[in-house]
């Protein structure tokens, strides 16, 4: 016999209200804000959101501002890259940042794939 309903996850509290697309968007936002991210200082996956836009690493205690749902926005990544290149020029640190950026992109890709699987 076929399944009649799917597992709702964090949006189960809304029940049948508000429509499917709204509940999906809310579910992805809740998942983004409550997952662990990589710390820019110690590189451990221990960064959690404290309040909207404030993120803290539970290992080293590093506190920084970021996006509301994710600690790093596209604009903040590109701005920091432009500022660093203007100060230092393209050096070996660029390779480190490129590797860190690739790790962050990989985490975002995994998050998108997991949200697509839920749908």
N, C-alpha and C. Protein backbone atom coordinates (compact mmCIF):
# COMPACT_ATOMS: atom_id res chain seq x y z
N UNK A 1 0.83 -1.17 0.00
CA UNK A 1 0.00 0.00 0.00
C UNK A 1 0.88 1.25 0.00
N UNK A 2 0.51 2.26 -0.75
CA UNK A 2 1.32 3.47 -0.88
C UNK A 2 1.23 4.34 0.36
N UNK A 3 2.29 5.10 0.56
CA UNK A 3 2.31 6.04 1.67
C UNK A 3 1.37 7.20 1.37
N UNK A 4 0.63 7.64 2.34
CA UNK A 4 -0.29 8.75 2.10
C UNK A 4 0.33 10.11 2.40
N UNK A 5 1.20 10.17 3.38
CA UNK A 5 1.79 11.45 3.76
C UNK A 5 3.30 11.30 3.83
N UNK A 6 3.98 12.43 3.78
CA UNK A 6 5.43 12.44 3.92
C UNK A 6 5.79 12.98 5.29
N UNK A 7 7.03 12.73 5.69
CA UNK A 7 7.49 13.27 6.96
C UNK A 7 7.70 14.76 6.81
N UNK A 8 7.22 15.51 7.75
CA UNK A 8 7.24 16.97 7.63
C UNK A 8 8.47 17.61 8.25
N UNK A 9 9.13 16.96 9.17
CA UNK A 9 10.31 17.53 9.79
C UNK A 9 9.96 18.68 10.71
N UNK A 10 10.74 19.77 10.59
CA UNK A 10 10.57 20.91 11.49
C UNK A 10 9.28 21.67 11.23
N UNK A 11 8.69 21.48 10.06
CA UNK A 11 7.47 22.22 9.74
C UNK A 11 6.20 21.44 10.08
N UNK A 12 6.33 20.35 10.79
CA UNK A 12 5.15 19.57 11.18
C UNK A 12 4.24 20.37 12.10
N UNK A 13 4.83 21.32 12.81
CA UNK A 13 4.03 22.12 13.75
C UNK A 13 3.01 23.00 13.04
N UNK A 14 3.21 23.25 11.72
CA UNK A 14 2.27 24.06 10.98
C UNK A 14 1.06 23.26 10.50
N UNK A 15 1.15 21.95 10.52
CA UNK A 15 0.05 21.10 10.09
C UNK A 15 -0.26 21.31 8.62
N UNK A 16 -1.52 21.42 8.28
CA UNK A 16 -1.93 21.60 6.88
C UNK A 16 -2.07 23.07 6.52
N UNK A 17 -1.64 23.97 7.39
CA UNK A 17 -1.83 25.40 7.14
C UNK A 17 -0.71 25.98 6.26
N UNK A 18 -0.97 27.10 5.65
CA UNK A 18 -0.04 27.99 4.95
C UNK A 18 0.40 27.52 3.57
N UNK A 19 0.14 26.30 3.15
CA UNK A 19 0.51 25.85 1.81
C UNK A 19 1.86 25.15 1.78
N UNK A 20 2.04 24.34 0.76
CA UNK A 20 3.22 23.48 0.67
C UNK A 20 4.49 24.30 0.43
N UNK A 21 4.44 25.25 -0.50
CA UNK A 21 5.66 25.99 -0.84
C UNK A 21 6.14 26.84 0.34
N UNK A 22 5.24 27.41 1.08
CA UNK A 22 5.62 28.22 2.25
C UNK A 22 6.26 27.33 3.31
N UNK A 23 5.67 26.17 3.53
CA UNK A 23 6.24 25.25 4.52
C UNK A 23 7.62 24.74 4.09
N UNK A 24 7.80 24.52 2.79
CA UNK A 24 9.12 24.07 2.31
C UNK A 24 10.17 25.15 2.53
N UNK A 25 9.83 26.39 2.19
CA UNK A 25 10.79 27.48 2.39
C UNK A 25 11.10 27.66 3.86
N UNK A 26 10.10 27.57 4.70
CA UNK A 26 10.32 27.68 6.15
C UNK A 26 11.19 26.54 6.65
N UNK A 27 10.98 25.34 6.13
CA UNK A 27 11.78 24.19 6.54
C UNK A 27 13.23 24.35 6.15
N UNK A 28 13.50 24.88 4.95
CA UNK A 28 14.89 25.07 4.54
C UNK A 28 15.56 26.16 5.37
N UNK A 29 14.83 27.21 5.72
CA UNK A 29 15.40 28.28 6.55
C UNK A 29 15.71 27.76 7.95
N UNK A 30 14.82 26.96 8.51
CA UNK A 30 15.05 26.40 9.85
C UNK A 30 16.25 25.46 9.83
N UNK A 31 16.38 24.67 8.76
CA UNK A 31 17.53 23.76 8.65
C UNK A 31 18.83 24.53 8.52
N UNK A 32 18.85 25.61 7.73
CA UNK A 32 20.06 26.42 7.56
C UNK A 32 20.50 27.04 8.87
N UNK A 33 19.54 27.58 9.62
CA UNK A 33 19.93 28.31 10.83
C UNK A 33 20.38 27.39 11.96
N UNK A 34 19.93 26.15 11.96
CA UNK A 34 20.24 25.30 13.10
C UNK A 34 21.37 24.30 12.85
N UNK A 35 21.97 24.30 11.66
CA UNK A 35 23.07 23.35 11.43
C UNK A 35 24.41 23.95 11.85
N UNK A 36 25.42 23.12 11.97
CA UNK A 36 26.77 23.56 12.32
C UNK A 36 27.51 23.97 11.06
N UNK A 37 28.33 25.03 11.15
CA UNK A 37 29.13 25.51 10.04
C UNK A 37 30.60 25.51 10.44
N UNK A 38 31.48 25.71 9.46
CA UNK A 38 32.92 25.70 9.69
C UNK A 38 33.38 27.06 10.22
N UNK A 39 34.20 27.03 11.25
CA UNK A 39 34.73 28.26 11.85
C UNK A 39 35.82 28.85 10.95
N UNK A 40 35.78 30.16 10.68
CA UNK A 40 36.82 30.76 9.85
C UNK A 40 38.16 30.90 10.57
N UNK A 41 38.16 30.76 11.87
CA UNK A 41 39.39 30.92 12.64
C UNK A 41 40.08 29.58 12.91
N UNK A 42 39.34 28.61 13.44
CA UNK A 42 39.96 27.33 13.83
C UNK A 42 39.64 26.18 12.89
N UNK A 43 38.78 26.41 11.90
CA UNK A 43 38.41 25.44 10.86
C UNK A 43 37.66 24.22 11.39
N UNK A 44 37.12 24.28 12.59
CA UNK A 44 36.29 23.19 13.11
C UNK A 44 34.84 23.46 12.75
N UNK A 45 34.06 22.41 12.64
CA UNK A 45 32.64 22.54 12.32
C UNK A 45 31.86 22.69 13.61
N UNK A 46 32.00 23.86 14.24
CA UNK A 46 31.38 24.10 15.54
C UNK A 46 30.65 25.44 15.61
N UNK A 47 30.45 26.11 14.49
CA UNK A 47 29.81 27.43 14.50
C UNK A 47 28.30 27.26 14.52
N UNK A 48 27.66 27.90 15.49
CA UNK A 48 26.20 27.89 15.61
C UNK A 48 25.69 29.32 15.65
N UNK A 49 24.45 29.50 15.29
CA UNK A 49 23.83 30.82 15.33
C UNK A 49 23.36 31.13 16.74
N UNK A 50 23.71 32.32 17.24
CA UNK A 50 23.21 32.76 18.54
C UNK A 50 21.88 33.49 18.37
N UNK A 51 21.91 34.57 17.62
CA UNK A 51 20.71 35.31 17.26
C UNK A 51 20.85 35.67 15.79
N UNK A 52 19.87 36.34 15.22
CA UNK A 52 19.88 36.67 13.80
C UNK A 52 21.13 37.48 13.45
N UNK A 53 22.01 36.91 12.65
CA UNK A 53 23.20 37.61 12.18
C UNK A 53 24.42 37.47 13.06
N UNK A 54 24.33 36.87 14.24
CA UNK A 54 25.47 36.70 15.15
C UNK A 54 25.77 35.21 15.26
N UNK A 55 27.03 34.85 14.96
CA UNK A 55 27.46 33.45 14.94
C UNK A 55 28.64 33.27 15.88
N UNK A 56 28.72 32.11 16.53
CA UNK A 56 29.80 31.87 17.49
C UNK A 56 30.31 30.44 17.34
N UNK A 57 31.64 30.31 17.42
CA UNK A 57 32.27 28.99 17.39
C UNK A 57 32.27 28.45 18.82
N UNK A 58 31.76 27.24 18.99
CA UNK A 58 31.69 26.65 20.32
C UNK A 58 33.04 26.12 20.79
N UNK A 59 34.01 25.97 19.87
CA UNK A 59 35.31 25.45 20.25
C UNK A 59 36.25 26.57 20.70
N UNK A 60 36.45 27.57 19.82
CA UNK A 60 37.43 28.61 20.13
C UNK A 60 36.79 29.88 20.68
N UNK A 61 35.45 29.99 20.66
CA UNK A 61 34.78 31.16 21.20
C UNK A 61 34.76 32.36 20.26
N UNK A 62 35.20 32.18 19.02
CA UNK A 62 35.22 33.27 18.05
C UNK A 62 33.80 33.67 17.70
N UNK A 63 33.48 34.95 17.85
CA UNK A 63 32.14 35.46 17.58
C UNK A 63 32.24 36.45 16.42
N UNK A 64 31.35 36.31 15.45
CA UNK A 64 31.39 37.19 14.29
C UNK A 64 29.98 37.39 13.75
N UNK A 65 29.85 38.39 12.88
CA UNK A 65 28.55 38.65 12.27
C UNK A 65 28.52 38.02 10.89
N UNK A 66 27.33 37.67 10.46
CA UNK A 66 27.16 37.05 9.15
C UNK A 66 25.74 37.27 8.68
N UNK A 67 25.30 36.37 7.84
CA UNK A 67 23.94 36.46 7.34
C UNK A 67 22.95 36.02 8.41
N UNK A 68 21.68 36.21 8.14
CA UNK A 68 20.65 35.83 9.09
C UNK A 68 20.52 34.32 9.17
N UNK A 69 20.55 33.64 8.00
CA UNK A 69 20.34 32.20 7.99
C UNK A 69 21.63 31.42 7.85
N UNK A 70 22.67 32.00 7.25
CA UNK A 70 23.96 31.36 7.08
C UNK A 70 25.05 32.33 7.53
N UNK A 71 26.17 31.82 8.05
CA UNK A 71 27.19 32.73 8.55
C UNK A 71 27.92 33.50 7.46
N UNK A 72 27.98 32.96 6.25
CA UNK A 72 28.72 33.61 5.18
C UNK A 72 27.80 33.83 4.00
N UNK A 73 27.69 35.08 3.58
CA UNK A 73 26.89 35.40 2.41
C UNK A 73 27.81 35.53 1.21
N UNK A 74 27.25 35.50 0.02
CA UNK A 74 28.08 35.66 -1.18
C UNK A 74 28.77 37.01 -1.20
N UNK A 75 28.06 38.03 -0.77
CA UNK A 75 28.63 39.38 -0.78
C UNK A 75 29.80 39.48 0.19
N UNK A 76 29.66 38.89 1.39
CA UNK A 76 30.76 38.98 2.36
C UNK A 76 31.99 38.20 1.88
N UNK A 77 31.79 37.07 1.21
CA UNK A 77 32.91 36.31 0.68
C UNK A 77 33.66 37.10 -0.38
N UNK A 78 32.94 37.69 -1.32
CA UNK A 78 33.60 38.42 -2.39
C UNK A 78 34.24 39.71 -1.87
N UNK A 79 33.59 40.38 -0.91
CA UNK A 79 34.17 41.61 -0.36
C UNK A 79 35.47 41.33 0.37
N UNK A 80 35.51 40.29 1.17
CA UNK A 80 36.75 39.98 1.89
C UNK A 80 37.86 39.59 0.93
N UNK A 81 37.52 38.92 -0.16
CA UNK A 81 38.51 38.54 -1.16
C UNK A 81 39.09 39.77 -1.84
N UNK A 82 38.24 40.72 -2.21
CA UNK A 82 38.69 41.95 -2.87
C UNK A 82 39.58 42.77 -1.94
N UNK A 83 39.17 42.89 -0.68
CA UNK A 83 39.96 43.67 0.28
C UNK A 83 41.32 43.03 0.50
N UNK A 84 41.35 41.72 0.67
CA UNK A 84 42.62 41.03 0.90
C UNK A 84 43.55 41.14 -0.30
N UNK A 85 43.02 41.00 -1.51
CA UNK A 85 43.87 41.11 -2.70
C UNK A 85 44.40 42.52 -2.87
N UNK A 86 43.61 43.51 -2.49
CA UNK A 86 44.07 44.88 -2.58
C UNK A 86 45.20 45.17 -1.60
N UNK A 87 45.16 44.53 -0.43
CA UNK A 87 46.19 44.76 0.57
C UNK A 87 47.44 43.93 0.31
N UNK A 88 47.27 42.66 -0.05
CA UNK A 88 48.41 41.75 -0.14
C UNK A 88 48.83 41.44 -1.57
N UNK A 89 47.90 41.51 -2.49
CA UNK A 89 48.16 41.00 -3.82
C UNK A 89 47.87 39.50 -3.83
N UNK A 90 47.84 38.91 -5.00
CA UNK A 90 47.56 37.48 -5.11
C UNK A 90 48.77 36.68 -4.62
N UNK A 91 48.61 35.99 -3.49
CA UNK A 91 49.71 35.24 -2.89
C UNK A 91 49.25 33.83 -2.53
N UNK A 92 50.05 33.17 -1.73
CA UNK A 92 49.71 31.81 -1.29
C UNK A 92 48.48 31.82 -0.39
N UNK A 93 48.21 32.95 0.27
CA UNK A 93 47.01 33.01 1.10
C UNK A 93 45.75 32.91 0.25
N UNK A 94 45.86 33.38 -1.02
CA UNK A 94 44.70 33.23 -1.91
C UNK A 94 44.37 31.76 -2.11
N UNK A 95 45.39 30.92 -2.21
CA UNK A 95 45.14 29.49 -2.39
C UNK A 95 44.43 28.92 -1.16
N UNK A 96 44.80 29.38 0.02
CA UNK A 96 44.14 28.93 1.24
C UNK A 96 42.68 29.36 1.25
N UNK A 97 42.45 30.60 0.88
CA UNK A 97 41.08 31.11 0.87
C UNK A 97 40.25 30.40 -0.20
N UNK A 98 40.87 30.11 -1.33
CA UNK A 98 40.15 29.37 -2.37
C UNK A 98 39.75 28.00 -1.86
N UNK A 99 40.64 27.35 -1.12
CA UNK A 99 40.32 26.04 -0.54
C UNK A 99 39.20 26.16 0.49
N UNK A 100 39.25 27.21 1.33
CA UNK A 100 38.19 27.42 2.31
C UNK A 100 36.87 27.71 1.61
N UNK A 101 36.92 28.50 0.52
CA UNK A 101 35.72 28.81 -0.23
C UNK A 101 35.13 27.55 -0.85
N UNK A 102 36.01 26.68 -1.35
CA UNK A 102 35.54 25.42 -1.93
C UNK A 102 34.86 24.57 -0.87
N UNK A 103 35.40 24.57 0.36
CA UNK A 103 34.78 23.81 1.45
C UNK A 103 33.40 24.38 1.78
N UNK A 104 33.28 25.70 1.82
CA UNK A 104 31.99 26.33 2.11
C UNK A 104 30.99 26.05 0.99
N UNK A 105 31.46 26.10 -0.26
CA UNK A 105 30.57 25.79 -1.38
C UNK A 105 30.11 24.35 -1.33
N UNK A 106 31.00 23.46 -0.91
CA UNK A 106 30.64 22.04 -0.78
C UNK A 106 29.57 21.86 0.29
N UNK A 107 29.71 22.57 1.42
CA UNK A 107 28.69 22.50 2.48
C UNK A 107 27.35 23.01 1.98
N UNK A 108 27.37 24.12 1.23
CA UNK A 108 26.12 24.67 0.68
C UNK A 108 25.49 23.68 -0.30
N UNK A 109 26.33 23.04 -1.12
CA UNK A 109 25.82 22.07 -2.08
C UNK A 109 25.17 20.89 -1.36
N UNK A 110 25.81 20.41 -0.29
CA UNK A 110 25.23 19.32 0.48
C UNK A 110 23.90 19.73 1.11
N UNK A 111 23.85 20.96 1.59
CA UNK A 111 22.60 21.45 2.20
C UNK A 111 21.49 21.54 1.16
N UNK A 112 21.82 22.00 -0.04
CA UNK A 112 20.81 22.08 -1.09
C UNK A 112 20.34 20.69 -1.51
N UNK A 113 21.27 19.75 -1.60
CA UNK A 113 20.90 18.39 -1.98
C UNK A 113 20.01 17.76 -0.91
N UNK A 114 20.33 18.00 0.34
CA UNK A 114 19.50 17.42 1.40
C UNK A 114 18.11 18.05 1.41
N UNK A 115 18.03 19.36 1.10
CA UNK A 115 16.70 19.99 1.05
C UNK A 115 15.93 19.50 -0.17
N UNK A 116 16.63 19.21 -1.27
CA UNK A 116 15.96 18.68 -2.45
C UNK A 116 15.46 17.26 -2.22
N UNK A 117 16.20 16.49 -1.44
CA UNK A 117 15.77 15.12 -1.14
C UNK A 117 14.52 15.11 -0.26
N UNK A 118 14.42 16.10 0.64
CA UNK A 118 13.26 16.19 1.50
C UNK A 118 12.00 16.50 0.72
N UNK A 119 12.16 17.27 -0.37
CA UNK A 119 11.01 17.64 -1.18
C UNK A 119 10.57 16.44 -1.96
